């Protein structure tokens, strides 16, 4: 995943589901403003939650957007996880690398950043 992996105009569009945990840099979210749940969630628990969500999406039990809007710890939840378009250098490096490596419509594996753990869906 070198930086020469630029597509077209160098921008991608993606949605994500973020689950924060005790190691996240900001231990609060729109659904847990005091951070009570986040501070008591281990990284392993956050990954397990995300894997269960990923299984529901892949199996067709739920849509990515529905799960993102209900469970993501990011404020993008109100847009079904949509982060809009972004280029290189605008997101945390692991998130950026994972997104640029995906094909449109593809889901990532678990991606770790300082914000928490994510599943990313490339949308453009």
PDB file of N, CA and C in Angstrom:
ATOM      1  N   UNK A   1       0.834  -1.182   0.000  1.00  0.00           N
ATOM      2  CA  UNK A   1       0.000   0.000   0.000  1.00  0.00           C
ATOM      3  C   UNK A   1       0.878   1.244   0.000  1.00  0.00           C
ATOM      4  N   UNK A   2       1.576   1.482  -1.058  1.00  0.00           N
ATOM      5  CA  UNK A   2       2.431   2.651  -1.134  1.00  0.00           C
ATOM      6  C   UNK A   2       1.615   3.873  -1.502  1.00  0.00           C
ATOM      7  N   UNK A   3       2.191   5.044  -1.296  1.00  0.00           N
ATOM      8  CA  UNK A   3       1.448   6.261  -1.583  1.00  0.00           C
ATOM      9  C   UNK A   3       1.298   6.482  -3.089  1.00  0.00           C
ATOM     10  N   UNK A   4       1.944   5.654  -3.893  1.00  0.00           N
ATOM     11  CA  UNK A   4       1.760   5.766  -5.345  1.00  0.00           C
ATOM     12  C   UNK A   4       0.479   5.049  -5.789  1.00  0.00           C
ATOM     13  N   UNK A   5      -0.287   4.549  -4.817  1.00  0.00           N
ATOM     14  CA  UNK A   5      -1.521   3.817  -5.085  1.00  0.00           C
ATOM     15  C   UNK A   5      -2.715   4.756  -5.300  1.00  0.00           C
ATOM     16  N   UNK A   6      -2.487   5.925  -5.857  1.00  0.00           N
ATOM     17  CA  UNK A   6      -3.567   6.900  -6.044  1.00  0.00           C
ATOM     18  C   UNK A   6      -4.489   6.498  -7.193  1.00  0.00           C
ATOM     19  N   UNK A   7      -5.773   6.660  -6.940  1.00  0.00           N
ATOM     20  CA  UNK A   7      -6.748   6.403  -8.005  1.00  0.00           C
ATOM     21  C   UNK A   7      -7.184   7.739  -8.591  1.00  0.00           C
ATOM     22  N   UNK A   8      -7.372   7.785  -9.878  1.00  0.00           N
ATOM     23  CA  UNK A   8      -7.943   8.945 -10.561  1.00  0.00           C
ATOM     24  C   UNK A   8      -7.491  10.251  -9.983  1.00  0.00           C
ATOM     25  N   UNK A   9      -8.462  11.011  -9.457  1.00  0.00           N
ATOM     26  CA  UNK A   9      -8.158  12.314  -8.881  1.00  0.00           C
ATOM     27  C   UNK A   9      -7.564  12.228  -7.489  1.00  0.00           C
ATOM     28  N   UNK A  10      -7.287  11.028  -7.012  1.00  0.00           N
ATOM     29  CA  UNK A  10      -6.671  10.894  -5.702  1.00  0.00           C
ATOM     30  C   UNK A  10      -7.655  10.993  -4.552  1.00  0.00           C
ATOM     31  N   UNK A  11      -8.964  10.933  -4.847  1.00  0.00           N
ATOM     32  CA  UNK A  11      -9.958  10.959  -3.780  1.00  0.00           C
ATOM     33  C   UNK A  11     -10.777   9.682  -3.791  1.00  0.00           C
ATOM     34  N   UNK A  12     -11.196   9.287  -2.604  1.00  0.00           N
ATOM     35  CA  UNK A  12     -12.105   8.157  -2.448  1.00  0.00           C
ATOM     36  C   UNK A  12     -13.274   8.658  -1.611  1.00  0.00           C
ATOM     37  N   UNK A  13     -14.343   7.893  -1.609  1.00  0.00           N
ATOM     38  CA  UNK A  13     -15.456   8.185  -0.713  1.00  0.00           C
ATOM     39  C   UNK A  13     -15.730   6.914   0.068  1.00  0.00           C
ATOM     40  N   UNK A  14     -15.977   7.070   1.357  1.00  0.00           N
ATOM     41  CA  UNK A  14     -16.181   5.890   2.190  1.00  0.00           C
ATOM     42  C   UNK A  14     -17.145   6.173   3.324  1.00  0.00           C
ATOM     43  N   UNK A  15     -17.699   5.084   3.831  1.00  0.00           N
ATOM     44  CA  UNK A  15     -18.499   5.104   5.049  1.00  0.00           C
ATOM     45  C   UNK A  15     -17.782   4.196   6.041  1.00  0.00           C
ATOM     46  N   UNK A  16     -18.070   4.397   7.314  1.00  0.00           N
ATOM     47  CA  UNK A  16     -17.439   3.502   8.292  1.00  0.00           C
ATOM     48  C   UNK A  16     -18.336   3.317   9.493  1.00  0.00           C
ATOM     49  N   UNK A  17     -18.018   2.266  10.236  1.00  0.00           N
ATOM     50  CA  UNK A  17     -18.625   2.018  11.537  1.00  0.00           C
ATOM     51  C   UNK A  17     -17.459   2.048  12.520  1.00  0.00           C
ATOM     52  N   UNK A  18     -17.567   2.909  13.512  1.00  0.00           N
ATOM     53  CA  UNK A  18     -16.513   3.061  14.521  1.00  0.00           C
ATOM     54  C   UNK A  18     -17.020   2.545  15.856  1.00  0.00           C
ATOM     55  N   UNK A  19     -16.239   1.703  16.488  1.00  0.00           N
ATOM     56  CA  UNK A  19     -16.509   1.302  17.867  1.00  0.00           C
ATOM     57  C   UNK A  19     -15.314   1.766  18.699  1.00  0.00           C
ATOM     58  N   UNK A  20     -15.598   2.668  19.636  1.00  0.00           N
ATOM     59  CA  UNK A  20     -14.541   3.175  20.510  1.00  0.00           C
ATOM     60  C   UNK A  20     -14.334   2.214  21.676  1.00  0.00           C
ATOM     61  N   UNK A  21     -13.154   2.305  22.294  1.00  0.00           N
ATOM     62  CA  UNK A  21     -12.829   1.450  23.435  1.00  0.00           C
ATOM     63  C   UNK A  21     -11.934   2.212  24.400  1.00  0.00           C
ATOM     64  N   UNK A  22     -11.542   1.542  25.481  1.00  0.00           N
ATOM     65  CA  UNK A  22     -10.767   2.202  26.540  1.00  0.00           C
ATOM     66  C   UNK A  22      -9.456   2.820  26.047  1.00  0.00           C
ATOM     67  N   UNK A  23      -8.948   2.352  24.904  1.00  0.00           N
ATOM     68  CA  UNK A  23      -7.704   2.891  24.360  1.00  0.00           C
ATOM     69  C   UNK A  23      -7.917   4.015  23.348  1.00  0.00           C
ATOM     70  N   UNK A  24      -9.161   4.365  23.069  1.00  0.00           N
ATOM     71  CA  UNK A  24      -9.452   5.424  22.097  1.00  0.00           C
ATOM     72  C   UNK A  24      -9.004   6.768  22.634  1.00  0.00           C
ATOM     73  N   UNK A  25      -8.571   7.647  21.738  1.00  0.00           N
ATOM     74  CA  UNK A  25      -8.036   8.937  22.211  1.00  0.00           C
ATOM     75  C   UNK A  25      -9.138   9.818  22.803  1.00  0.00           C
ATOM     76  N   UNK A  26     -10.360   9.700  22.304  1.00  0.00           N
ATOM     77  CA  UNK A  26     -11.480  10.471  22.862  1.00  0.00           C
ATOM     78  C   UNK A  26     -12.542   9.479  23.322  1.00  0.00           C
ATOM     79  N   UNK A  27     -12.723   9.394  24.635  1.00  0.00           N
ATOM     80  CA  UNK A  27     -13.603   8.364  25.197  1.00  0.00           C
ATOM     81  C   UNK A  27     -15.018   8.886  25.410  1.00  0.00           C
ATOM     82  N   UNK A  28     -15.611   9.426  24.345  1.00  0.00           N
ATOM     83  CA  UNK A  28     -17.006   9.869  24.392  1.00  0.00           C
ATOM     84  C   UNK A  28     -17.525   9.843  22.965  1.00  0.00           C
ATOM     85  N   UNK A  29     -18.838   9.758  22.832  1.00  0.00           N
ATOM     86  CA  UNK A  29     -19.437   9.794  21.504  1.00  0.00           C
ATOM     87  C   UNK A  29     -20.855  10.325  21.606  1.00  0.00           C
ATOM     88  N   UNK A  30     -21.490  10.498  20.464  1.00  0.00           N
ATOM     89  CA  UNK A  30     -22.861  11.017  20.445  1.00  0.00           C
ATOM     90  C   UNK A  30     -23.814  10.128  21.237  1.00  0.00           C
ATOM     91  N   UNK A  31     -23.542   8.819  21.293  1.00  0.00           N
ATOM     92  CA  UNK A  31     -24.452   7.932  22.013  1.00  0.00           C
ATOM     93  C   UNK A  31     -23.963   7.596  23.412  1.00  0.00           C
ATOM     94  N   UNK A  32     -22.778   8.047  23.754  1.00  0.00           N
ATOM     95  CA  UNK A  32     -22.197   7.811  25.080  1.00  0.00           C
ATOM     96  C   UNK A  32     -21.427   9.072  25.485  1.00  0.00           C
ATOM     97  N   UNK A  33     -22.166  10.195  25.671  1.00  0.00           N
ATOM     98  CA  UNK A  33     -21.502  11.489  25.895  1.00  0.00           C
ATOM     99  C   UNK A  33     -20.586  11.530  27.113  1.00  0.00           C
ATOM    100  N   UNK A  34     -20.895  10.742  28.128  1.00  0.00           N
ATOM    101  CA  UNK A  34     -20.043  10.699  29.323  1.00  0.00           C
ATOM    102  C   UNK A  34     -18.944   9.645  29.205  1.00  0.00           C
ATOM    103  N   UNK A  35     -19.028   8.800  28.174  1.00  0.00           N
ATOM    104  CA  UNK A  35     -17.998   7.790  27.958  1.00  0.00           C
ATOM    105  C   UNK A  35     -18.052   6.606  28.907  1.00  0.00           C
ATOM    106  N   UNK A  36     -19.183   6.416  29.589  1.00  0.00           N
ATOM    107  CA  UNK A  36     -19.280   5.300  30.554  1.00  0.00           C
ATOM    108  C   UNK A  36     -19.055   3.944  29.886  1.00  0.00           C
ATOM    109  N   UNK A  37     -19.711   3.720  28.751  1.00  0.00           N
ATOM    110  CA  UNK A  37     -19.588   2.431  28.061  1.00  0.00           C
ATOM    111  C   UNK A  37     -18.200   2.302  27.437  1.00  0.00           C
ATOM    112  N   UNK A  38     -17.764   3.365  26.769  1.00  0.00           N
ATOM    113  CA  UNK A  38     -16.472   3.343  26.066  1.00  0.00           C
ATOM    114  C   UNK A  38     -15.317   3.042  27.033  1.00  0.00           C
ATOM    115  N   UNK A  39     -15.317   3.701  28.187  1.00  0.00           N
ATOM    116  CA  UNK A  39     -14.223   3.510  29.162  1.00  0.00           C
ATOM    117  C   UNK A  39     -14.193   2.084  29.707  1.00  0.00           C
ATOM    118  N   UNK A  40     -15.297   1.369  29.591  1.00  0.00           N
ATOM    119  CA  UNK A  40     -15.372  -0.003  30.098  1.00  0.00           C
ATOM    120  C   UNK A  40     -15.387  -1.046  28.989  1.00  0.00           C
ATOM    121  N   UNK A  41     -15.022  -0.635  27.782  1.00  0.00           N
ATOM    122  CA  UNK A  41     -14.968  -1.556  26.647  1.00  0.00           C
ATOM    123  C   UNK A  41     -13.517  -1.807  26.281  1.00  0.00           C
ATOM    124  N   UNK A  42     -13.102  -3.065  26.331  1.00  0.00           N
ATOM    125  CA  UNK A  42     -11.730  -3.396  25.935  1.00  0.00           C
ATOM    126  C   UNK A  42     -11.636  -3.389  24.406  1.00  0.00           C
ATOM    127  N   UNK A  43     -10.431  -3.304  23.895  1.00  0.00           N
ATOM    128  CA  UNK A  43     -10.252  -3.365  22.439  1.00  0.00           C
ATOM    129  C   UNK A  43     -10.791  -4.688  21.908  1.00  0.00           C
ATOM    130  N   UNK A  44     -10.524  -5.785  22.619  1.00  0.00           N
ATOM    131  CA  UNK A  44     -10.994  -7.097  22.170  1.00  0.00           C
ATOM    132  C   UNK A  44     -12.523  -7.144  22.097  1.00  0.00           C
ATOM    133  N   UNK A  45     -13.186  -6.550  23.073  1.00  0.00           N
ATOM    134  CA  UNK A  45     -14.655  -6.499  23.046  1.00  0.00           C
ATOM    135  C   UNK A  45     -15.143  -5.679  21.860  1.00  0.00           C
ATOM    136  N   UNK A  46     -14.486  -4.545  21.611  1.00  0.00           N
ATOM    137  CA  UNK A  46     -14.870  -3.683  20.488  1.00  0.00           C
ATOM    138  C   UNK A  46     -14.720  -4.439  19.166  1.00  0.00           C
ATOM    139  N   UNK A  47     -13.631  -5.188  19.026  1.00  0.00           N
ATOM    140  CA  UNK A  47     -13.402  -5.982  17.813  1.00  0.00           C
ATOM    141  C   UNK A  47     -14.482  -7.057  17.667  1.00  0.00           C
ATOM    142  N   UNK A  48     -14.838  -7.715  18.775  1.00  0.00           N
ATOM    143  CA  UNK A  48     -15.869  -8.759  18.742  1.00  0.00           C
ATOM    144  C   UNK A  48     -17.219  -8.176  18.312  1.00  0.00           C
ATOM    145  N   UNK A  49     -17.555  -7.003  18.830  1.00  0.00           N
ATOM    146  CA  UNK A  49     -18.806  -6.326  18.456  1.00  0.00           C
ATOM    147  C   UNK A  49     -18.793  -6.029  16.963  1.00  0.00           C
ATOM    148  N   UNK A  50     -17.675  -5.484  16.486  1.00  0.00           N
ATOM    149  CA  UNK A  50     -17.543  -5.118  15.078  1.00  0.00           C
ATOM    150  C   UNK A  50     -17.607  -6.342  14.168  1.00  0.00           C
ATOM    151  N   UNK A  51     -16.984  -7.439  14.577  1.00  0.00           N
ATOM    152  CA  UNK A  51     -17.026  -8.668  13.773  1.00  0.00           C
ATOM    153  C   UNK A  51     -18.459  -9.198  13.661  1.00  0.00           C
ATOM    154  N   UNK A  52     -19.222  -9.111  14.734  1.00  0.00           N
ATOM    155  CA  UNK A  52     -20.625  -9.545  14.699  1.00  0.00           C
ATOM    156  C   UNK A  52     -21.420  -8.667  13.732  1.00  0.00           C
ATOM    157  N   UNK A  53     -21.155  -7.367  13.755  1.00  0.00           N
ATOM    158  CA  UNK A  53     -21.822  -6.444  12.831  1.00  0.00           C
ATOM    159  C   UNK A  53     -21.444  -6.769  11.389  1.00  0.00           C
ATOM    160  N   UNK A  54     -20.159  -7.025  11.180  1.00  0.00           N
ATOM    161  CA  UNK A  54     -19.655  -7.363   9.845  1.00  0.00           C
ATOM    162  C   UNK A  54     -20.353  -8.622   9.321  1.00  0.00           C
ATOM    163  N   UNK A  55     -20.524  -9.620  10.184  1.00  0.00           N
ATOM    164  CA  UNK A  55     -21.215 -10.847   9.790  1.00  0.00           C
ATOM    165  C   UNK A  55     -22.656 -10.573   9.386  1.00  0.00           C
ATOM    166  N   UNK A  56     -23.344  -9.704  10.142  1.00  0.00           N
ATOM    167  CA  UNK A  56     -24.729  -9.349   9.814  1.00  0.00           C
ATOM    168  C   UNK A  56     -24.824  -8.637   8.468  1.00  0.00           C
ATOM    169  N   UNK A  57     -23.842  -7.800   8.171  1.00  0.00           N
ATOM    170  CA  UNK A  57     -23.831  -7.078   6.886  1.00  0.00           C
ATOM    171  C   UNK A  57     -23.573  -8.053   5.736  1.00  0.00           C
ATOM    172  N   UNK A  58     -22.539  -8.868   5.889  1.00  0.00           N
ATOM    173  CA  UNK A  58     -22.152  -9.814   4.840  1.00  0.00           C
ATOM    174  C   UNK A  58     -23.259 -10.836   4.577  1.00  0.00           C
ATOM    175  N   UNK A  59     -23.933 -11.277   5.647  1.00  0.00           N
ATOM    176  CA  UNK A  59     -24.992 -12.282   5.493  1.00  0.00           C
ATOM    177  C   UNK A  59     -26.309 -11.678   5.001  1.00  0.00           C
ATOM    178  N   UNK A  60     -26.384 -10.342   4.976  1.00  0.00           N
ATOM    179  CA  UNK A  60     -27.605  -9.691   4.501  1.00  0.00           C
ATOM    180  C   UNK A  60     -28.661  -9.476   5.577  1.00  0.00           C
ATOM    181  N   UNK A  61     -28.325  -9.786   6.835  1.00  0.00           N
ATOM    182  CA  UNK A  61     -29.278  -9.581   7.939  1.00  0.00           C
ATOM    183  C   UNK A  61     -29.554  -8.097   8.177  1.00  0.00           C
ATOM    184  N   UNK A  62     -28.566  -7.268   7.874  1.00  0.00           N
ATOM    185  CA  UNK A  62     -28.695  -5.826   8.090  1.00  0.00           C
ATOM    186  C   UNK A  62     -27.854  -5.096   7.053  1.00  0.00           C
ATOM    187  N   UNK A  63     -28.220  -3.847   6.792  1.00  0.00           N
ATOM    188  CA  UNK A  63     -27.412  -3.061   5.855  1.00  0.00           C
ATOM    189  C   UNK A  63     -26.309  -2.339   6.634  1.00  0.00           C
ATOM    190  N   UNK A  64     -25.251  -2.038   5.919  1.00  0.00           N
ATOM    191  CA  UNK A  64     -24.137  -1.286   6.497  1.00  0.00           C
ATOM    192  C   UNK A  64     -24.660   0.025   7.091  1.00  0.00           C
ATOM    193  N   UNK A  65     -25.492   0.727   6.304  1.00  0.00           N
ATOM    194  CA  UNK A  65     -25.992   2.040   6.703  1.00  0.00           C
ATOM    195  C   UNK A  65     -26.840   1.964   7.969  1.00  0.00           C
ATOM    196  N   UNK A  66     -27.678   0.918   8.065  1.00  0.00           N
ATOM    197  CA  UNK A  66     -28.540   0.772   9.236  1.00  0.00           C
ATOM    198  C   UNK A  66     -27.705   0.526  10.490  1.00  0.00           C
ATOM    199  N   UNK A  67     -26.729  -0.369  10.381  1.00  0.00           N
ATOM    200  CA  UNK A  67     -25.871  -0.652  11.539  1.00  0.00           C
ATOM    201  C   UNK A  67     -25.064   0.588  11.909  1.00  0.00           C
ATOM    202  N   UNK A  68     -24.506   1.271  10.916  1.00  0.00           N
ATOM    203  CA  UNK A  68     -23.730   2.484  11.195  1.00  0.00           C
ATOM    204  C   UNK A  68     -24.586   3.522  11.909  1.00  0.00           C
ATOM    205  N   UNK A  69     -25.811   3.721  11.418  1.00  0.00           N
ATOM    206  CA  UNK A  69     -26.648   4.778  11.990  1.00  0.00           C
ATOM    207  C   UNK A  69     -27.076   4.459  13.422  1.00  0.00           C
ATOM    208  N   UNK A  70     -27.135   3.186  13.761  1.00  0.00           N
ATOM    209  CA  UNK A  70     -27.562   2.801  15.111  1.00  0.00           C
ATOM    210  C   UNK A  70     -26.418   2.606  16.088  1.00  0.00           C
ATOM    211  N   UNK A  71     -25.274   2.132  15.614  1.00  0.00           N
ATOM    212  CA  UNK A  71     -24.232   1.695  16.545  1.00  0.00           C
ATOM    213  C   UNK A  71     -22.893   2.399  16.447  1.00  0.00           C
ATOM    214  N   UNK A  72     -22.612   3.085  15.347  1.00  0.00           N
ATOM    215  CA  UNK A  72     -21.293   3.699  15.202  1.00  0.00           C
ATOM    216  C   UNK A  72     -21.091   4.799  16.238  1.00  0.00           C
ATOM    217  N   UNK A  73     -19.875   4.879  16.785  1.00  0.00           N
ATOM    218  CA  UNK A  73     -19.538   5.926  17.743  1.00  0.00           C
ATOM    219  C   UNK A  73     -19.118   7.222  17.062  1.00  0.00           C
ATOM    220  N   UNK A  74     -19.137   7.266  15.749  1.00  0.00           N
ATOM    221  CA  UNK A  74     -18.772   8.479  15.015  1.00  0.00           C
ATOM    222  C   UNK A  74     -20.028   9.300  14.728  1.00  0.00           C
ATOM    223  N   UNK A  75     -19.884  10.611  14.689  1.00  0.00           N
ATOM    224  CA  UNK A  75     -21.043  11.460  14.383  1.00  0.00           C
ATOM    225  C   UNK A  75     -21.531  11.247  12.952  1.00  0.00           C
ATOM    226  N   UNK A  76     -20.728  10.583  12.107  1.00  0.00           N
ATOM    227  CA  UNK A  76     -21.171  10.244  10.747  1.00  0.00           C
ATOM    228  C   UNK A  76     -22.316   9.229  10.777  1.00  0.00           C
ATOM    229  N   UNK A  77     -22.610   8.682  11.953  1.00  0.00           N
ATOM    230  CA  UNK A  77     -23.703   7.705  12.102  1.00  0.00           C
ATOM    231  C   UNK A  77     -25.010   8.275  11.549  1.00  0.00           C
ATOM    232  N   UNK A  78     -25.243   9.568  11.771  1.00  0.00           N
ATOM    233  CA  UNK A  78     -26.507  10.148  11.307  1.00  0.00           C
ATOM    234  C   UNK A  78     -26.591  10.199   9.778  1.00  0.00           C
ATOM    235  N   UNK A  79     -25.476   9.942   9.099  1.00  0.00           N
ATOM    236  CA  UNK A  79     -25.469   9.847   7.631  1.00  0.00           C
ATOM    237  C   UNK A  79     -25.208   8.405   7.189  1.00  0.00           C
ATOM    238  N   UNK A  80     -25.534   7.450   8.044  1.00  0.00           N
ATOM    239  CA  UNK A  80     -25.296   6.043   7.718  1.00  0.00           C
ATOM    240  C   UNK A  80     -23.822   5.696   7.641  1.00  0.00           C
ATOM    241  N   UNK A  81     -22.997   6.501   8.305  1.00  0.00           N
ATOM    242  CA  UNK A  81     -21.555   6.260   8.331  1.00  0.00           C
ATOM    243  C   UNK A  81     -20.778   6.983   7.245  1.00  0.00           C
ATOM    244  N   UNK A  82     -21.480   7.725   6.383  1.00  0.00           N
ATOM    245  CA  UNK A  82     -20.828   8.380   5.239  1.00  0.00           C
ATOM    246  C   UNK A  82     -19.870   9.478   5.699  1.00  0.00           C
ATOM    247  N   UNK A  83     -18.626   9.378   5.266  1.00  0.00           N
ATOM    248  CA  UNK A  83     -17.606  10.376   5.585  1.00  0.00           C
ATOM    249  C   UNK A  83     -17.384  11.359   4.440  1.00  0.00           C
ATOM    250  N   UNK A  84     -18.055  11.118   3.302  1.00  0.00           N
ATOM    251  CA  UNK A  84     -17.830  11.960   2.139  1.00  0.00           C
ATOM    252  C   UNK A  84     -16.521  11.597   1.452  1.00  0.00           C
ATOM    253  N   UNK A  85     -16.095  12.442   0.542  1.00  0.00           N
ATOM    254  CA  UNK A  85     -14.865  12.192  -0.227  1.00  0.00           C
ATOM    255  C   UNK A  85     -13.662  12.743   0.529  1.00  0.00           C
ATOM    256  N   UNK A  86     -12.543  12.057   0.408  1.00  0.00           N
ATOM    257  CA  UNK A  86     -11.307  12.549   1.009  1.00  0.00           C
ATOM    258  C   UNK A  86     -10.119  12.046   0.202  1.00  0.00           C
ATOM    259  N   UNK A  87      -9.030  12.789   0.308  1.00  0.00           N
ATOM    260  CA  UNK A  87      -7.804  12.421  -0.389  1.00  0.00           C
ATOM    261  C   UNK A  87      -6.751  11.954   0.596  1.00  0.00           C
ATOM    262  N   UNK A  88      -5.560  11.744   0.093  1.00  0.00           N
ATOM    263  CA  UNK A  88      -4.437  11.334   0.938  1.00  0.00           C
ATOM    264  C   UNK A  88      -4.116  12.426   1.955  1.00  0.00           C
ATOM    265  N   UNK A  89      -3.755  12.004   3.156  1.00  0.00           N
ATOM    266  CA  UNK A  89      -3.321  12.954   4.176  1.00  0.00           C
ATOM    267  C   UNK A  89      -4.445  13.575   4.981  1.00  0.00           C
ATOM    268  N   UNK A  90      -5.698  13.182   4.725  1.00  0.00           N
ATOM    269  CA  UNK A  90      -6.824  13.782   5.450  1.00  0.00           C
ATOM    270  C   UNK A  90      -7.341  12.910   6.591  1.00  0.00           C
ATOM    271  N   UNK A  91      -7.029  11.635   6.541  1.00  0.00           N
ATOM    272  CA  UNK A  91      -7.479  10.695   7.573  1.00  0.00           C
ATOM    273  C   UNK A  91      -6.251  10.090   8.251  1.00  0.00           C
ATOM    274  N   UNK A  92      -6.476   9.413   9.380  1.00  0.00           N
ATOM    275  CA  UNK A  92      -5.365   8.715  10.015  1.00  0.00           C
ATOM    276  C   UNK A  92      -4.831   7.668   9.037  1.00  0.00           C
ATOM    277  N   UNK A  93      -3.514   7.501   9.030  1.00  0.00           N
ATOM    278  CA  UNK A  93      -2.834   6.667   8.030  1.00  0.00           C
ATOM    279  C   UNK A  93      -3.424   5.256   7.881  1.00  0.00           C
ATOM    280  N   UNK A  94      -3.667   4.508   8.962  1.00  0.00           N
ATOM    281  CA  UNK A  94      -4.206   3.154   8.778  1.00  0.00           C
ATOM    282  C   UNK A  94      -5.576   3.168   8.095  1.00  0.00           C
ATOM    283  N   UNK A  95      -6.380   4.178   8.419  1.00  0.00           N
ATOM    284  CA  UNK A  95      -7.715   4.312   7.827  1.00  0.00           C
ATOM    285  C   UNK A  95      -7.595   4.634   6.339  1.00  0.00           C
ATOM    286  N   UNK A  96      -6.718   5.583   6.041  1.00  0.00           N
ATOM    287  CA  UNK A  96      -6.481   5.986   4.652  1.00  0.00           C
ATOM    288  C   UNK A  96      -5.972   4.801   3.819  1.00  0.00           C
ATOM    289  N   UNK A  97      -4.961   4.118   4.313  1.00  0.00           N
ATOM    290  CA  UNK A  97      -4.385   2.995   3.567  1.00  0.00           C
ATOM    291  C   UNK A  97      -5.431   1.917   3.295  1.00  0.00           C
ATOM    292  N   UNK A  98      -6.232   1.595   4.307  1.00  0.00           N
ATOM    293  CA  UNK A  98      -7.259   0.560   4.140  1.00  0.00           C
ATOM    294  C   UNK A  98      -8.296   0.986   3.111  1.00  0.00           C
ATOM    295  N   UNK A  99      -8.710   2.242   3.163  1.00  0.00           N
ATOM    296  CA  UNK A  99      -9.746   2.731   2.246  1.00  0.00           C
ATOM    297  C   UNK A  99      -9.251   2.738   0.804  1.00  0.00           C
ATOM    298  N   UNK A 100      -8.056   3.252   0.583  1.00  0.00           N
ATOM    299  CA  UNK A 100      -7.518   3.314  -0.774  1.00  0.00           C
ATOM    300  C   UNK A 100      -7.263   1.921  -1.355  1.00  0.00           C
ATOM    301  N   UNK A 101      -7.079   0.924  -0.488  1.00  0.00           N
ATOM    302  CA  UNK A 101      -6.827  -0.449  -0.954  1.00  0.00           C
ATOM    303  C   UNK A 101      -8.119  -1.177  -1.343  1.00  0.00           C
ATOM    304  N   UNK A 102      -9.275  -0.650  -0.912  1.00  0.00           N
ATOM    305  CA  UNK A 102     -10.562  -1.312  -1.209  1.00  0.00           C
ATOM    306  C   UNK A 102     -11.049  -0.991  -2.611  1.00  0.00           C
ATOM    307  N   UNK A 103     -11.822  -1.910  -3.168  1.00  0.00           N
ATOM    308  CA  UNK A 103     -12.559  -1.623  -4.403  1.00  0.00           C
ATOM    309  C   UNK A 103     -13.892  -1.006  -3.990  1.00  0.00           C
ATOM    310  N   UNK A 104     -14.509  -0.251  -4.887  1.00  0.00           N
ATOM    311  CA  UNK A 104     -15.810   0.355  -4.599  1.00  0.00           C
ATOM    312  C   UNK A 104     -16.798  -0.758  -4.229  1.00  0.00           C
ATOM    313  N   UNK A 105     -17.526  -0.548  -3.126  1.00  0.00           N
ATOM    314  CA  UNK A 105     -18.503  -1.526  -2.658  1.00  0.00           C
ATOM    315  C   UNK A 105     -17.940  -2.565  -1.714  1.00  0.00           C
ATOM    316  N   UNK A 106     -16.620  -2.590  -1.570  1.00  0.00           N
ATOM    317  CA  UNK A 106     -15.964  -3.608  -0.743  1.00  0.00           C
ATOM    318  C   UNK A 106     -15.884  -3.162   0.721  1.00  0.00           C
ATOM    319  N   UNK A 107     -15.961  -4.146   1.629  1.00  0.00           N
ATOM    320  CA  UNK A 107     -15.814  -3.904   3.066  1.00  0.00           C
ATOM    321  C   UNK A 107     -14.394  -4.231   3.504  1.00  0.00           C
ATOM    322  N   UNK A 108     -13.880  -3.444   4.418  1.00  0.00           N
ATOM    323  CA  UNK A 108     -12.546  -3.727   4.964  1.00  0.00           C
ATOM    324  C   UNK A 108     -12.659  -4.767   6.068  1.00  0.00           C
ATOM    325  N   UNK A 109     -11.499  -5.243   6.482  1.00  0.00           N
ATOM    326  CA  UNK A 109     -11.419  -6.005   7.712  1.00  0.00           C
ATOM    327  C   UNK A 109     -11.401  -4.987   8.848  1.00  0.00           C
ATOM    328  N   UNK A 110     -11.138  -5.428  10.049  1.00  0.00           N
ATOM    329  CA  UNK A 110     -11.045  -4.522  11.189  1.00  0.00           C
ATOM    330  C   UNK A 110      -9.820  -3.617  10.997  1.00  0.00           C
ATOM    331  N   UNK A 111     -10.024  -2.311  11.146  1.00  0.00           N
ATOM    332  CA  UNK A 111      -8.935  -1.340  11.015  1.00  0.00           C
ATOM    333  C   UNK A 111      -8.795  -0.612  12.355  1.00  0.00           C
ATOM    334  N   UNK A 112      -7.571  -0.598  12.880  1.00  0.00           N
ATOM    335  CA  UNK A 112      -7.264   0.063  14.152  1.00  0.00           C
ATOM    336  C   UNK A 112      -6.743   1.468  13.910  1.00  0.00           C
ATOM    337  N   UNK A 113      -7.300   2.462  14.614  1.00  0.00           N
ATOM    338  CA  UNK A 113      -6.717   3.806  14.610  1.00  0.00           C
ATOM    339  C   UNK A 113      -6.742   4.333  16.042  1.00  0.00           C
ATOM    340  N   UNK A 114      -6.234   5.545  16.225  1.00  0.00           N
ATOM    341  CA  UNK A 114      -6.268   6.167  17.552  1.00  0.00           C
ATOM    342  C   UNK A 114      -7.706   6.425  18.000  1.00  0.00           C
ATOM    343  N   UNK A 115      -8.642   6.449  17.051  1.00  0.00           N
ATOM    344  CA  UNK A 115     -10.039   6.716  17.383  1.00  0.00           C
ATOM    345  C   UNK A 115     -10.752   5.479  17.917  1.00  0.00           C
ATOM    346  N   UNK A 116     -10.319   4.300  17.491  1.00  0.00           N
ATOM    347  CA  UNK A 116     -10.962   3.054  17.884  1.00  0.00           C
ATOM    348  C   UNK A 116     -10.795   2.026  16.785  1.00  0.00           C
ATOM    349  N   UNK A 117     -11.772   1.110  16.673  1.00  0.00           N
ATOM    350  CA  UNK A 117     -11.719   0.110  15.616  1.00  0.00           C
ATOM    351  C   UNK A 117     -12.861   0.378  14.624  1.00  0.00           C
ATOM    352  N   UNK A 118     -12.571   0.126  13.367  1.00  0.00           N
ATOM    353  CA  UNK A 118     -13.508   0.475  12.296  1.00  0.00           C
ATOM    354  C   UNK A 118     -13.711  -0.693  11.329  1.00  0.00           C
ATOM    355  N   UNK A 119     -14.871  -0.662  10.658  1.00  0.00           N
ATOM    356  CA  UNK A 119     -15.057  -1.378   9.397  1.00  0.00           C
ATOM    357  C   UNK A 119     -15.347  -0.267   8.392  1.00  0.00           C
ATOM    358  N   UNK A 120     -14.688  -0.330   7.267  1.00  0.00           N
ATOM    359  CA  UNK A 120     -14.828   0.715   6.249  1.00  0.00           C
ATOM    360  C   UNK A 120     -15.489   0.113   5.011  1.00  0.00           C
ATOM    361  N   UNK A 121     -16.389   0.871   4.415  1.00  0.00           N
ATOM    362  CA  UNK A 121     -16.995   0.487   3.137  1.00  0.00           C
ATOM    363  C   UNK A 121     -16.658   1.598   2.141  1.00  0.00           C
ATOM    364  N   UNK A 122     -15.934   1.218   1.100  1.00  0.00           N
ATOM    365  CA  UNK A 122     -15.616   2.207   0.068  1.00  0.00           C
ATOM    366  C   UNK A 122     -16.830   2.392  -0.828  1.00  0.00           C
ATOM    367  N   UNK A 123     -17.250   3.621  -1.037  1.00  0.00           N
ATOM    368  CA  UNK A 123     -18.470   3.888  -1.801  1.00  0.00           C
ATOM    369  C   UNK A 123     -18.201   4.566  -3.137  1.00  0.00           C
ATOM    370  N   UNK A 124     -16.982   5.044  -3.339  1.00  0.00           N
ATOM    371  CA  UNK A 124     -16.639   5.660  -4.619  1.00  0.00           C
ATOM    372  C   UNK A 124     -15.128   5.769  -4.781  1.00  0.00           C
TER     373      UNK A 124
END
